[in-house]
Amino acid sequence: MNVTSVGTILIVEDSPSELELMSHYLQESGYKVLKATGAKEAIEKVKVEEPTVIITDLVMPDMSGFELCRYLKKNPHTQEVPIVICSSKNKEIDRLWAMRQGAKAYVTKPYTREQLLRAIKSVTN
């Protein structure tokens, strides 16, 4: 597929199969993909890379996606980077809490490629 690159996305996901699926969808759509298997690794990556968007799971060992959101929004280097939550937590309170922590979009698992891409486009336009 010949698609113009439209940005760099950092995926923060502790499930290898979810990480690969998301990565496949995004690379196929022309995005450069960076991967982190946890929040601490993501924090190290954003120190050297400049992602256009960060997609994070909520339930991860060591540091939750909520905590990662708060950290990124308090950091002057990353506070303007839009965050998309991609989680199996599908209650309205989870969605509201994610937005209060600084997330710009919320996608629930399982998701389609179109749902994921729509969420990314909604935070980059």
PDB file of N, CA and C in Angstrom:
ATOM      1  N   MET A   1       0.845  -1.182   0.000  1.00  0.00           N
ATOM      2  CA  MET A   1       0.000   0.000   0.000  1.00  0.00           C
ATOM      3  C   MET A   1       0.889   1.242   0.000  1.00  0.00           C
ATOM      4  N   ASN A   2       0.665   2.135  -0.909  1.00  0.00           N
ATOM      5  CA  ASN A   2       1.476   3.331  -1.027  1.00  0.00           C
ATOM      6  C   ASN A   2       0.733   4.510  -0.398  1.00  0.00           C
ATOM      7  N   VAL A   3       1.050   4.776   0.871  1.00  0.00           N
ATOM      8  CA  VAL A   3       0.366   5.826   1.612  1.00  0.00           C
ATOM      9  C   VAL A   3       1.411   6.824   2.109  1.00  0.00           C
ATOM     10  N   THR A   4       1.108   8.091   2.013  1.00  0.00           N
ATOM     11  CA  THR A   4       2.005   9.110   2.525  1.00  0.00           C
ATOM     12  C   THR A   4       2.032   9.041   4.046  1.00  0.00           C
ATOM     13  N   SER A   5       3.220   9.142   4.607  1.00  0.00           N
ATOM     14  CA  SER A   5       3.334   9.094   6.061  1.00  0.00           C
ATOM     15  C   SER A   5       2.621  10.301   6.662  1.00  0.00           C
ATOM     16  N   VAL A   6       1.812  10.035   7.672  1.00  0.00           N
ATOM     17  CA  VAL A   6       1.011  11.106   8.253  1.00  0.00           C
ATOM     18  C   VAL A   6       1.334  11.353   9.721  1.00  0.00           C
ATOM     19  N   GLY A   7       2.446  10.837  10.202  1.00  0.00           N
ATOM     20  CA  GLY A   7       2.824  11.105  11.575  1.00  0.00           C
ATOM     21  C   GLY A   7       3.411   9.889  12.266  1.00  0.00           C
ATOM     22  N   THR A   8       3.882  10.139  13.478  1.00  0.00           N
ATOM     23  CA  THR A   8       4.484   9.101  14.304  1.00  0.00           C
ATOM     24  C   THR A   8       3.596   8.848  15.503  1.00  0.00           C
ATOM     25  N   ILE A   9       3.280   7.588  15.729  1.00  0.00           N
ATOM     26  CA  ILE A   9       2.408   7.227  16.839  1.00  0.00           C
ATOM     27  C   ILE A   9       3.139   6.305  17.788  1.00  0.00           C
ATOM     28  N   LEU A  10       3.106   6.654  19.069  1.00  0.00           N
ATOM     29  CA  LEU A  10       3.658   5.794  20.110  1.00  0.00           C
ATOM     30  C   LEU A  10       2.520   4.977  20.685  1.00  0.00           C
ATOM     31  N   ILE A  11       2.644   3.650  20.606  1.00  0.00           N
ATOM     32  CA  ILE A  11       1.643   2.744  21.174  1.00  0.00           C
ATOM     33  C   ILE A  11       2.191   2.211  22.490  1.00  0.00           C
ATOM     34  N   VAL A  12       1.412   2.370  23.559  1.00  0.00           N
ATOM     35  CA  VAL A  12       1.796   1.857  24.876  1.00  0.00           C
ATOM     36  C   VAL A  12       0.806   0.758  25.225  1.00  0.00           C
ATOM     37  N   GLU A  13       1.261  -0.487  25.136  1.00  0.00           N
ATOM     38  CA  GLU A  13       0.368  -1.638  25.296  1.00  0.00           C
ATOM     39  C   GLU A  13       1.175  -2.824  25.813  1.00  0.00           C
ATOM     40  N   ASP A  14       0.722  -3.423  26.930  1.00  0.00           N
ATOM     41  CA  ASP A  14       1.472  -4.537  27.518  1.00  0.00           C
ATOM     42  C   ASP A  14       1.122  -5.894  26.920  1.00  0.00           C
ATOM     43  N   SER A  15       0.058  -5.983  26.131  1.00  0.00           N
ATOM     44  CA  SER A  15      -0.308  -7.238  25.478  1.00  0.00           C
ATOM     45  C   SER A  15       0.386  -7.316  24.113  1.00  0.00           C
ATOM     46  N   PRO A  16       1.281  -8.294  23.913  1.00  0.00           N
ATOM     47  CA  PRO A  16       1.994  -8.393  22.636  1.00  0.00           C
ATOM     48  C   PRO A  16       1.066  -8.512  21.429  1.00  0.00           C
ATOM     49  N   SER A  17      -0.028  -9.269  21.542  1.00  0.00           N
ATOM     50  CA  SER A  17      -0.929  -9.428  20.400  1.00  0.00           C
ATOM     51  C   SER A  17      -1.649  -8.118  20.075  1.00  0.00           C
ATOM     52  N   GLU A  18      -2.101  -7.387  21.092  1.00  0.00           N
ATOM     53  CA  GLU A  18      -2.743  -6.082  20.861  1.00  0.00           C
ATOM     54  C   GLU A  18      -1.752  -5.089  20.262  1.00  0.00           C
ATOM     55  N   LEU A  19      -0.529  -5.109  20.772  1.00  0.00           N
ATOM     56  CA  LEU A  19       0.516  -4.205  20.283  1.00  0.00           C
ATOM     57  C   LEU A  19       0.776  -4.457  18.799  1.00  0.00           C
ATOM     58  N   GLU A  20       0.858  -5.712  18.420  1.00  0.00           N
ATOM     59  CA  GLU A  20       1.107  -6.054  17.015  1.00  0.00           C
ATOM     60  C   GLU A  20      -0.082  -5.712  16.120  1.00  0.00           C
ATOM     61  N   LEU A  21      -1.291  -5.977  16.582  1.00  0.00           N
ATOM     62  CA  LEU A  21      -2.482  -5.664  15.794  1.00  0.00           C
ATOM     63  C   LEU A  21      -2.577  -4.161  15.541  1.00  0.00           C
ATOM     64  N   MET A  22      -2.446  -3.386  16.589  1.00  0.00           N
ATOM     65  CA  MET A  22      -2.529  -1.933  16.463  1.00  0.00           C
ATOM     66  C   MET A  22      -1.420  -1.411  15.545  1.00  0.00           C
ATOM     67  N   SER A  23      -0.230  -1.916  15.757  1.00  0.00           N
ATOM     68  CA  SER A  23       0.915  -1.520  14.952  1.00  0.00           C
ATOM     69  C   SER A  23       0.672  -1.828  13.473  1.00  0.00           C
ATOM     70  N   HIS A  24       0.141  -3.002  13.191  1.00  0.00           N
ATOM     71  CA  HIS A  24      -0.165  -3.404  11.809  1.00  0.00           C
ATOM     72  C   HIS A  24      -1.168  -2.437  11.180  1.00  0.00           C
ATOM     73  N   TYR A  25      -2.262  -2.166  11.879  1.00  0.00           N
ATOM     74  CA  TYR A  25      -3.282  -1.246  11.364  1.00  0.00           C
ATOM     75  C   TYR A  25      -2.681   0.122  11.039  1.00  0.00           C
ATOM     76  N   LEU A  26      -1.855   0.620  11.940  1.00  0.00           N
ATOM     77  CA  LEU A  26      -1.326   1.974  11.780  1.00  0.00           C
ATOM     78  C   LEU A  26      -0.258   2.046  10.700  1.00  0.00           C
ATOM     79  N   GLN A  27       0.639   1.061  10.666  1.00  0.00           N
ATOM     80  CA  GLN A  27       1.672   1.058   9.627  1.00  0.00           C
ATOM     81  C   GLN A  27       1.053   0.916   8.244  1.00  0.00           C
ATOM     82  N   GLU A  28       0.039   0.090   8.139  1.00  0.00           N
ATOM     83  CA  GLU A  28      -0.675  -0.094   6.882  1.00  0.00           C
ATOM     84  C   GLU A  28      -1.327   1.213   6.419  1.00  0.00           C
ATOM     85  N   SER A  29      -1.635   2.074   7.370  1.00  0.00           N
ATOM     86  CA  SER A  29      -2.275   3.354   7.056  1.00  0.00           C
ATOM     87  C   SER A  29      -1.266   4.484   6.888  1.00  0.00           C
ATOM     88  N   GLY A  30       0.027   4.154   6.907  1.00  0.00           N
ATOM     89  CA  GLY A  30       1.048   5.150   6.620  1.00  0.00           C
ATOM     90  C   GLY A  30       1.721   5.798   7.812  1.00  0.00           C
ATOM     91  N   TYR A  31       1.362   5.391   9.010  1.00  0.00           N
ATOM     92  CA  TYR A  31       1.978   5.973  10.207  1.00  0.00           C
ATOM     93  C   TYR A  31       3.297   5.293  10.526  1.00  0.00           C
ATOM     94  N   LYS A  32       4.231   6.062  11.064  1.00  0.00           N
ATOM     95  CA  LYS A  32       5.436   5.495  11.652  1.00  0.00           C
ATOM     96  C   LYS A  32       5.035   5.099  13.076  1.00  0.00           C
ATOM     97  N   VAL A  33       5.385   3.893  13.494  1.00  0.00           N
ATOM     98  CA  VAL A  33       4.945   3.395  14.794  1.00  0.00           C
ATOM     99  C   VAL A  33       6.128   3.169  15.719  1.00  0.00           C
ATOM    100  N   LEU A  34       5.993   3.680  16.927  1.00  0.00           N
ATOM    101  CA  LEU A  34       6.929   3.400  18.018  1.00  0.00           C
ATOM    102  C   LEU A  34       6.176   2.534  19.012  1.00  0.00           C
ATOM    103  N   LYS A  35       6.859   1.589  19.652  1.00  0.00           N
ATOM    104  CA  LYS A  35       6.178   0.675  20.566  1.00  0.00           C
ATOM    105  C   LYS A  35       6.807   0.733  21.947  1.00  0.00           C
ATOM    106  N   ALA A  36       5.937   0.657  22.947  1.00  0.00           N
ATOM    107  CA  ALA A  36       6.383   0.545  24.339  1.00  0.00           C
ATOM    108  C   ALA A  36       5.465  -0.467  25.018  1.00  0.00           C
ATOM    109  N   THR A  37       6.042  -1.360  25.809  1.00  0.00           N
ATOM    110  CA  THR A  37       5.234  -2.389  26.467  1.00  0.00           C
ATOM    111  C   THR A  37       4.788  -1.973  27.864  1.00  0.00           C
ATOM    112  N   GLY A  38       5.078  -0.735  28.235  1.00  0.00           N
ATOM    113  CA  GLY A  38       4.630  -0.217  29.520  1.00  0.00           C
ATOM    114  C   GLY A  38       4.849   1.275  29.589  1.00  0.00           C
ATOM    115  N   ALA A  39       4.292   1.890  30.625  1.00  0.00           N
ATOM    116  CA  ALA A  39       4.352   3.344  30.769  1.00  0.00           C
ATOM    117  C   ALA A  39       5.780   3.848  30.968  1.00  0.00           C
ATOM    118  N   LYS A  40       6.564   3.129  31.758  1.00  0.00           N
ATOM    119  CA  LYS A  40       7.942   3.583  32.017  1.00  0.00           C
ATOM    120  C   LYS A  40       8.770   3.584  30.737  1.00  0.00           C
ATOM    121  N   GLU A  41       8.588   2.557  29.910  1.00  0.00           N
ATOM    122  CA  GLU A  41       9.286   2.523  28.623  1.00  0.00           C
ATOM    123  C   GLU A  41       8.794   3.669  27.733  1.00  0.00           C
ATOM    124  N   ALA A  42       7.509   3.962  27.777  1.00  0.00           N
ATOM    125  CA  ALA A  42       6.942   5.056  26.985  1.00  0.00           C
ATOM    126  C   ALA A  42       7.562   6.393  27.396  1.00  0.00           C
ATOM    127  N   ILE A  43       7.718   6.600  28.688  1.00  0.00           N
ATOM    128  CA  ILE A  43       8.310   7.848  29.182  1.00  0.00           C
ATOM    129  C   ILE A  43       9.734   8.004  28.660  1.00  0.00           C
ATOM    130  N   GLU A  44      10.492   6.904  28.636  1.00  0.00           N
ATOM    131  CA  GLU A  44      11.853   6.959  28.088  1.00  0.00           C
ATOM    132  C   GLU A  44      11.832   7.277  26.599  1.00  0.00           C
ATOM    133  N   LYS A  45      10.888   6.695  25.870  1.00  0.00           N
ATOM    134  CA  LYS A  45      10.821   6.920  24.408  1.00  0.00           C
ATOM    135  C   LYS A  45      10.452   8.359  24.073  1.00  0.00           C
ATOM    136  N   VAL A  46       9.537   8.972  24.827  1.00  0.00           N
ATOM    137  CA  VAL A  46       9.143  10.348  24.493  1.00  0.00           C
ATOM    138  C   VAL A  46      10.241  11.348  24.804  1.00  0.00           C
ATOM    139  N   LYS A  47      11.257  10.926  25.563  1.00  0.00           N
ATOM    140  CA  LYS A  47      12.398  11.808  25.827  1.00  0.00           C
ATOM    141  C   LYS A  47      13.272  11.970  24.590  1.00  0.00           C
ATOM    142  N   VAL A  48      13.270  10.959  23.701  1.00  0.00           N
ATOM    143  CA  VAL A  48      14.127  11.013  22.516  1.00  0.00           C
ATOM    144  C   VAL A  48      13.344  11.114  21.205  1.00  0.00           C
ATOM    145  N   GLU A  49      12.105  10.661  21.197  1.00  0.00           N
ATOM    146  CA  GLU A  49      11.266  10.715  20.004  1.00  0.00           C
ATOM    147  C   GLU A  49      10.207  11.801  20.209  1.00  0.00           C
ATOM    148  N   GLU A  50       9.594  12.229  19.119  1.00  0.00           N
ATOM    149  CA  GLU A  50       8.521  13.205  19.226  1.00  0.00           C
ATOM    150  C   GLU A  50       7.284  12.671  18.512  1.00  0.00           C
ATOM    151  N   PRO A  51       6.517  11.822  19.199  1.00  0.00           N
ATOM    152  CA  PRO A  51       5.324  11.273  18.550  1.00  0.00           C
ATOM    153  C   PRO A  51       4.270  12.347  18.303  1.00  0.00           C
ATOM    154  N   THR A  52       3.499  12.148  17.234  1.00  0.00           N
ATOM    155  CA  THR A  52       2.394  13.029  16.894  1.00  0.00           C
ATOM    156  C   THR A  52       1.206  12.728  17.802  1.00  0.00           C
ATOM    157  N   VAL A  53       1.036  11.438  18.128  1.00  0.00           N
ATOM    158  CA  VAL A  53      -0.065  10.955  18.966  1.00  0.00           C
ATOM    159  C   VAL A  53       0.472   9.826  19.834  1.00  0.00           C
ATOM    160  N   ILE A  54      -0.078   9.702  21.039  1.00  0.00           N
ATOM    161  CA  ILE A  54       0.237   8.573  21.914  1.00  0.00           C
ATOM    162  C   ILE A  54      -1.054   7.798  22.158  1.00  0.00           C
ATOM    163  N   ILE A  55      -1.000   6.484  21.917  1.00  0.00           N
ATOM    164  CA  ILE A  55      -2.134   5.600  22.205  1.00  0.00           C
ATOM    165  C   ILE A  55      -1.714   4.750  23.388  1.00  0.00           C
ATOM    166  N   THR A  56      -2.533   4.715  24.439  1.00  0.00           N
ATOM    167  CA  THR A  56      -2.168   3.916  25.601  1.00  0.00           C
ATOM    168  C   THR A  56      -3.328   3.087  26.123  1.00  0.00           C
ATOM    169  N   ASP A  57      -2.966   1.928  26.628  1.00  0.00           N
ATOM    170  CA  ASP A  57      -3.892   1.081  27.359  1.00  0.00           C
ATOM    171  C   ASP A  57      -4.043   1.698  28.749  1.00  0.00           C
ATOM    172  N   LEU A  58      -5.036   1.290  29.494  1.00  0.00           N
ATOM    173  CA  LEU A  58      -5.199   1.772  30.869  1.00  0.00           C
ATOM    174  C   LEU A  58      -4.615   0.810  31.887  1.00  0.00           C
ATOM    175  N   VAL A  59      -4.912  -0.486  31.720  1.00  0.00           N
ATOM    176  CA  VAL A  59      -4.504  -1.484  32.699  1.00  0.00           C
ATOM    177  C   VAL A  59      -3.148  -2.055  32.298  1.00  0.00           C
ATOM    178  N   MET A  60      -2.106  -1.601  33.015  1.00  0.00           N
ATOM    179  CA  MET A  60      -0.740  -2.062  32.749  1.00  0.00           C
ATOM    180  C   MET A  60      -0.020  -2.223  34.079  1.00  0.00           C
ATOM    181  N   PRO A  61       0.979  -3.099  34.124  1.00  0.00           N
ATOM    182  CA  PRO A  61       1.747  -3.241  35.373  1.00  0.00           C
ATOM    183  C   PRO A  61       2.575  -1.978  35.646  1.00  0.00           C
ATOM    184  N   ASP A  62       2.920  -1.775  36.885  1.00  0.00           N
ATOM    185  CA  ASP A  62       3.772  -0.653  37.334  1.00  0.00           C
ATOM    186  C   ASP A  62       3.088   0.710  37.325  1.00  0.00           C
ATOM    187  N   MET A  63       2.560   1.130  36.183  1.00  0.00           N
ATOM    188  CA  MET A  63       1.951   2.457  36.070  1.00  0.00           C
ATOM    189  C   MET A  63       0.758   2.362  35.124  1.00  0.00           C
ATOM    190  N   SER A  64      -0.388   2.832  35.552  1.00  0.00           N
ATOM    191  CA  SER A  64      -1.593   2.743  34.716  1.00  0.00           C
ATOM    192  C   SER A  64      -1.571   3.792  33.599  1.00  0.00           C
ATOM    193  N   GLY A  65      -2.453   3.607  32.644  1.00  0.00           N
ATOM    194  CA  GLY A  65      -2.605   4.595  31.587  1.00  0.00           C
ATOM    195  C   GLY A  65      -3.075   5.942  32.112  1.00  0.00           C
ATOM    196  N   PHE A  66      -3.879   5.924  33.170  1.00  0.00           N
ATOM    197  CA  PHE A  66      -4.298   7.180  33.811  1.00  0.00           C
ATOM    198  C   PHE A  66      -3.083   7.933  34.348  1.00  0.00           C
ATOM    199  N   GLU A  67      -2.203   7.201  35.046  1.00  0.00           N
ATOM    200  CA  GLU A  67      -0.998   7.820  35.602  1.00  0.00           C
ATOM    201  C   GLU A  67      -0.086   8.332  34.492  1.00  0.00           C
ATOM    202  N   LEU A  68       0.030   7.558  33.415  1.00  0.00           N
ATOM    203  CA  LEU A  68       0.840   7.989  32.275  1.00  0.00           C
ATOM    204  C   LEU A  68       0.274   9.278  31.680  1.00  0.00           C
ATOM    205  N   CYS A  69      -1.027   9.348  31.519  1.00  0.00           N
ATOM    206  CA  CYS A  69      -1.681  10.573  31.013  1.00  0.00           C
ATOM    207  C   CYS A  69      -1.309  11.778  31.872  1.00  0.00           C
ATOM    208  N   ARG A  70      -1.465  11.628  33.175  1.00  0.00           N
ATOM    209  CA  ARG A  70      -1.154  12.742  34.088  1.00  0.00           C
ATOM    210  C   ARG A  70       0.298  13.170  33.945  1.00  0.00           C
ATOM    211  N   TYR A  71       1.205  12.196  33.894  1.00  0.00           N
ATOM    212  CA  TYR A  71       2.626  12.502  33.760  1.00  0.00           C
ATOM    213  C   TYR A  71       2.892  13.278  32.462  1.00  0.00           C
ATOM    214  N   LEU A  72       2.354  12.782  31.351  1.00  0.00           N
ATOM    215  CA  LEU A  72       2.602  13.413  30.053  1.00  0.00           C
ATOM    216  C   LEU A  72       2.013  14.813  29.974  1.00  0.00           C
ATOM    217  N   LYS A  73       0.852  15.028  30.594  1.00  0.00           N
ATOM    218  CA  LYS A  73       0.210  16.336  30.540  1.00  0.00           C
ATOM    219  C   LYS A  73       0.896  17.357  31.452  1.00  0.00           C
ATOM    220  N   LYS A  74       1.624  16.888  32.474  1.00  0.00           N
ATOM    221  CA  LYS A  74       2.358  17.806  33.356  1.00  0.00           C
ATOM    222  C   LYS A  74       3.740  18.159  32.799  1.00  0.00           C
ATOM    223  N   ASN A  75       4.220  17.354  31.856  1.00  0.00           N
ATOM    224  CA  ASN A  75       5.546  17.549  31.290  1.00  0.00           C
ATOM    225  C   ASN A  75       5.470  18.535  30.125  1.00  0.00           C
ATOM    226  N   PRO A  76       6.194  19.670  30.199  1.00  0.00           N
ATOM    227  CA  PRO A  76       6.126  20.674  29.129  1.00  0.00           C
ATOM    228  C   PRO A  76       6.505  20.114  27.750  1.00  0.00           C
ATOM    229  N   HIS A  77       7.369  19.103  27.718  1.00  0.00           N
ATOM    230  CA  HIS A  77       7.821  18.507  26.447  1.00  0.00           C
ATOM    231  C   HIS A  77       6.714  17.700  25.763  1.00  0.00           C
ATOM    232  N   THR A  78       5.780  17.155  26.546  1.00  0.00           N
ATOM    233  CA  THR A  78       4.758  16.268  25.976  1.00  0.00           C
ATOM    234  C   THR A  78       3.324  16.732  26.211  1.00  0.00           C
ATOM    235  N   GLN A  79       3.129  17.852  26.892  1.00  0.00           N
ATOM    236  CA  GLN A  79       1.767  18.241  27.271  1.00  0.00           C
ATOM    237  C   GLN A  79       0.846  18.527  26.091  1.00  0.00           C
ATOM    238  N   GLU A  80       1.399  18.854  24.930  1.00  0.00           N
ATOM    239  CA  GLU A  80       0.567  19.148  23.756  1.00  0.00           C
ATOM    240  C   GLU A  80       0.308  17.928  22.873  1.00  0.00           C
ATOM    241  N   VAL A  81       0.956  16.798  23.178  1.00  0.00           N
ATOM    242  CA  VAL A  81       0.766  15.593  22.361  1.00  0.00           C
ATOM    243  C   VAL A  81      -0.587  14.967  22.706  1.00  0.00           C
ATOM    244  N   PRO A  82      -1.464  14.784  21.719  1.00  0.00           N
ATOM    245  CA  PRO A  82      -2.771  14.185  22.006  1.00  0.00           C
ATOM    246  C   PRO A  82      -2.639  12.717  22.424  1.00  0.00           C
ATOM    247  N   ILE A  83      -3.463  12.328  23.384  1.00  0.00           N
ATOM    248  CA  ILE A  83      -3.454  10.955  23.900  1.00  0.00           C
ATOM    249  C   ILE A  83      -4.791  10.302  23.589  1.00  0.00           C
ATOM    250  N   VAL A  84      -4.706   9.095  23.025  1.00  0.00           N
ATOM    251  CA  VAL A  84      -5.881   8.273  22.752  1.00  0.00           C
ATOM    252  C   VAL A  84      -5.808   7.071  23.684  1.00  0.00           C
ATOM    253  N   ILE A  85      -6.855   6.839  24.455  1.00  0.00           N
ATOM    254  CA  ILE A  85      -6.933   5.653  25.309  1.00  0.00           C
ATOM    255  C   ILE A  85      -7.541   4.523  24.490  1.00  0.00           C
ATOM    256  N   CYS A  86      -6.937   3.349  24.580  1.00  0.00           N
ATOM    257  CA  CYS A  86      -7.479   2.165  23.920  1.00  0.00           C
ATOM    258  C   CYS A  86      -7.527   1.068  24.982  1.00  0.00           C
ATOM    259  N   SER A  87      -8.719   0.811  25.509  1.00  0.00           N
ATOM    260  CA  SER A  87      -8.848  -0.056  26.672  1.00  0.00           C
ATOM    261  C   SER A  87     -10.075  -0.949  26.601  1.00  0.00           C
ATOM    262  N   SER A  88     -10.012  -2.058  27.325  1.00  0.00           N
ATOM    263  CA  SER A  88     -11.184  -2.928  27.445  1.00  0.00           C
ATOM    264  C   SER A  88     -12.148  -2.395  28.508  1.00  0.00           C
ATOM    265  N   LYS A  89     -11.715  -1.395  29.278  1.00  0.00           N
ATOM    266  CA  LYS A  89     -12.596  -0.773  30.273  1.00  0.00           C
ATOM    267  C   LYS A  89     -13.621   0.071  29.507  1.00  0.00           C
ATOM    268  N   ASN A  90     -14.871  -0.349  29.552  1.00  0.00           N
ATOM    269  CA  ASN A  90     -15.868   0.317  28.708  1.00  0.00           C
ATOM    270  C   ASN A  90     -16.979   1.016  29.477  1.00  0.00           C
ATOM    271  N   LYS A  91     -16.752   1.297  30.733  1.00  0.00           N
ATOM    272  CA  LYS A  91     -17.747   2.020  31.527  1.00  0.00           C
ATOM    273  C   LYS A  91     -17.595   3.522  31.287  1.00  0.00           C
ATOM    274  N   GLU A  92     -18.705   4.237  31.373  1.00  0.00           N
ATOM    275  CA  GLU A  92     -18.687   5.683  31.152  1.00  0.00           C
ATOM    276  C   GLU A  92     -17.753   6.394  32.131  1.00  0.00           C
ATOM    277  N   ILE A  93     -17.673   5.910  33.371  1.00  0.00           N
ATOM    278  CA  ILE A  93     -16.800   6.538  34.359  1.00  0.00           C
ATOM    279  C   ILE A  93     -15.323   6.441  33.951  1.00  0.00           C
ATOM    280  N   ASP A  94     -14.944   5.331  33.301  1.00  0.00           N
ATOM    281  CA  ASP A  94     -13.567   5.181  32.826  1.00  0.00           C
ATOM    282  C   ASP A  94     -13.269   6.202  31.729  1.00  0.00           C
ATOM    283  N   ARG A  95     -14.224   6.348  30.832  1.00  0.00           N
ATOM    284  CA  ARG A  95     -14.081   7.318  29.736  1.00  0.00           C
ATOM    285  C   ARG A  95     -13.977   8.748  30.293  1.00  0.00           C
ATOM    286  N   LEU A  96     -14.857   9.086  31.213  1.00  0.00           N
ATOM    287  CA  LEU A  96     -14.834  10.426  31.816  1.00  0.00           C
ATOM    288  C   LEU A  96     -13.530  10.676  32.568  1.00  0.00           C
ATOM    289  N   TRP A  97     -13.088   9.688  33.328  1.00  0.00           N
ATOM    290  CA  TRP A  97     -11.853   9.843  34.103  1.00  0.00           C
ATOM    291  C   TRP A  97     -10.655  10.009  33.165  1.00  0.00           C
ATOM    292  N   ALA A  98     -10.634   9.262  32.070  1.00  0.00           N
ATOM    293  CA  ALA A  98      -9.544   9.386  31.096  1.00  0.00           C
ATOM    294  C   ALA A  98      -9.494  10.795  30.525  1.00  0.00           C
ATOM    295  N   MET A  99     -10.646  11.357  30.205  1.00  0.00           N
ATOM    296  CA  MET A  99     -10.688  12.715  29.663  1.00  0.00           C
ATOM    297  C   MET A  99     -10.222  13.733  30.708  1.00  0.00           C
ATOM    298  N   ARG A 100     -10.562  13.488  31.963  1.00  0.00           N
ATOM    299  CA  ARG A 100     -10.114  14.390  33.042  1.00  0.00           C
ATOM    300  C   ARG A 100      -8.600  14.331  33.227  1.00  0.00           C
ATOM    301  N   GLN A 101      -8.000  13.203  32.862  1.00  0.00           N
ATOM    302  CA  GLN A 101      -6.546  13.055  32.990  1.00  0.00           C
ATOM    303  C   GLN A 101      -5.798  13.630  31.790  1.00  0.00           C
ATOM    304  N   GLY A 102      -6.551  14.044  30.769  1.00  0.00           N
ATOM    305  CA  GLY A 102      -5.921  14.674  29.611  1.00  0.00           C
ATOM    306  C   GLY A 102      -6.062  13.937  28.299  1.00  0.00           C
ATOM    307  N   ALA A 103      -6.703  12.781  28.283  1.00  0.00           N
ATOM    308  CA  ALA A 103      -6.906  12.056  27.021  1.00  0.00           C
ATOM    309  C   ALA A 103      -7.855  12.843  26.123  1.00  0.00           C
ATOM    310  N   LYS A 104      -7.657  12.724  24.825  1.00  0.00           N
ATOM    311  CA  LYS A 104      -8.496  13.436  23.849  1.00  0.00           C
ATOM    312  C   LYS A 104      -9.512  12.519  23.181  1.00  0.00           C
ATOM    313  N   ALA A 105      -9.271  11.199  23.213  1.00  0.00           N
ATOM    314  CA  ALA A 105     -10.197  10.241  22.597  1.00  0.00           C
ATOM    315  C   ALA A 105     -10.106   8.922  23.351  1.00  0.00           C
ATOM    316  N   TYR A 106     -11.146   8.114  23.195  1.00  0.00           N
ATOM    317  CA  TYR A 106     -11.241   6.847  23.926  1.00  0.00           C
ATOM    318  C   TYR A 106     -11.822   5.794  22.994  1.00  0.00           C
ATOM    319  N   VAL A 107     -11.099   4.701  22.821  1.00  0.00           N
ATOM    320  CA  VAL A 107     -11.538   3.591  21.979  1.00  0.00           C
ATOM    321  C   VAL A 107     -11.603   2.352  22.863  1.00  0.00           C
ATOM    322  N   THR A 108     -12.704   1.614  22.769  1.00  0.00           N
ATOM    323  CA  THR A 108     -12.806   0.400  23.582  1.00  0.00           C
ATOM    324  C   THR A 108     -12.458  -0.829  22.746  1.00  0.00           C
ATOM    325  N   LYS A 109     -11.820  -1.782  23.415  1.00  0.00           N
ATOM    326  CA  LYS A 109     -11.485  -3.069  22.795  1.00  0.00           C
ATOM    327  C   LYS A 109     -12.690  -3.982  22.941  1.00  0.00           C
ATOM    328  N   PRO A 110     -12.972  -4.812  21.977  1.00  0.00           N
ATOM    329  CA  PRO A 110     -12.314  -4.891  20.665  1.00  0.00           C
ATOM    330  C   PRO A 110     -12.731  -3.718  19.775  1.00  0.00           C
ATOM    331  N   TYR A 111     -11.847  -3.313  18.907  1.00  0.00           N
ATOM    332  CA  TYR A 111     -12.077  -2.170  18.026  1.00  0.00           C
ATOM    333  C   TYR A 111     -11.805  -2.595  16.588  1.00  0.00           C
ATOM    334  N   THR A 112     -12.307  -1.829  15.667  1.00  0.00           N
ATOM    335  CA  THR A 112     -11.995  -2.062  14.259  1.00  0.00           C
ATOM    336  C   THR A 112     -10.876  -1.114  13.843  1.00  0.00           C
ATOM    337  N   ARG A 113     -10.277  -1.415  12.733  1.00  0.00           N
ATOM    338  CA  ARG A 113      -9.241  -0.540  12.193  1.00  0.00           C
ATOM    339  C   ARG A 113      -9.812   0.863  11.988  1.00  0.00           C
ATOM    340  N   GLU A 114     -11.040   0.933  11.467  1.00  0.00           N
ATOM    341  CA  GLU A 114     -11.674   2.226  11.201  1.00  0.00           C
ATOM    342  C   GLU A 114     -11.893   3.023  12.485  1.00  0.00           C
ATOM    343  N   GLN A 115     -12.319   2.349  13.558  1.00  0.00           N
ATOM    344  CA  GLN A 115     -12.524   3.050  14.839  1.00  0.00           C
ATOM    345  C   GLN A 115     -11.213   3.635  15.352  1.00  0.00           C
ATOM    346  N   LEU A 116     -10.141   2.866  15.246  1.00  0.00           N
ATOM    347  CA  LEU A 116      -8.832   3.329  15.703  1.00  0.00           C
ATOM    348  C   LEU A 116      -8.365   4.531  14.881  1.00  0.00           C
ATOM    349  N   LEU A 117      -8.473   4.425  13.568  1.00  0.00           N
ATOM    350  CA  LEU A 117      -8.037   5.524  12.693  1.00  0.00           C
ATOM    351  C   LEU A 117      -8.893   6.769  12.883  1.00  0.00           C
ATOM    352  N   ARG A 118     -10.195   6.582  13.076  1.00  0.00           N
ATOM    353  CA  ARG A 118     -11.086   7.723  13.307  1.00  0.00           C
ATOM    354  C   ARG A 118     -10.689   8.467  14.586  1.00  0.00           C
ATOM    355  N   ALA A 119     -10.345   7.720  15.628  1.00  0.00           N
ATOM    356  CA  ALA A 119      -9.934   8.347  16.896  1.00  0.00           C
ATOM    357  C   ALA A 119      -8.656   9.150  16.705  1.00  0.00           C
ATOM    358  N   ILE A 120      -7.710   8.606  15.961  1.00  0.00           N
ATOM    359  CA  ILE A 120      -6.449   9.321  15.712  1.00  0.00           C
ATOM    360  C   ILE A 120      -6.705  10.586  14.893  1.00  0.00           C
ATOM    361  N   LYS A 121      -7.511  10.464  13.858  1.00  0.00           N
ATOM    362  CA  LYS A 121      -7.821  11.650  13.029  1.00  0.00           C
ATOM    363  C   LYS A 121      -8.556  12.720  13.847  1.00  0.00           C
ATOM    364  N   SER A 122      -9.399  12.277  14.786  1.00  0.00           N
ATOM    365  CA  SER A 122     -10.159  13.251  15.582  1.00  0.00           C
ATOM    366  C   SER A 122      -9.257  14.085  16.490  1.00  0.00           C
ATOM    367  N   VAL A 123      -8.105  13.561  16.876  1.00  0.00           N
ATOM    368  CA  VAL A 123      -7.225  14.312  17.770  1.00  0.00           C
ATOM    369  C   VAL A 123      -6.107  15.054  17.023  1.00  0.00           C
ATOM    370  N   THR A 124      -5.986  14.817  15.715  1.00  0.00           N
ATOM    371  CA  THR A 124      -4.924  15.471  14.959  1.00  0.00           C
ATOM    372  C   THR A 124      -5.444  16.536  14.001  1.00  0.00           C
ATOM    373  N   ASN A 125      -6.751  16.686  13.908  1.00  0.00           N
ATOM    374  CA  ASN A 125      -7.305  17.707  13.000  1.00  0.00           C
ATOM    375  C   ASN A 125      -7.698  18.960  13.740  1.00  0.00           C
TER     376      ASN A 125
END
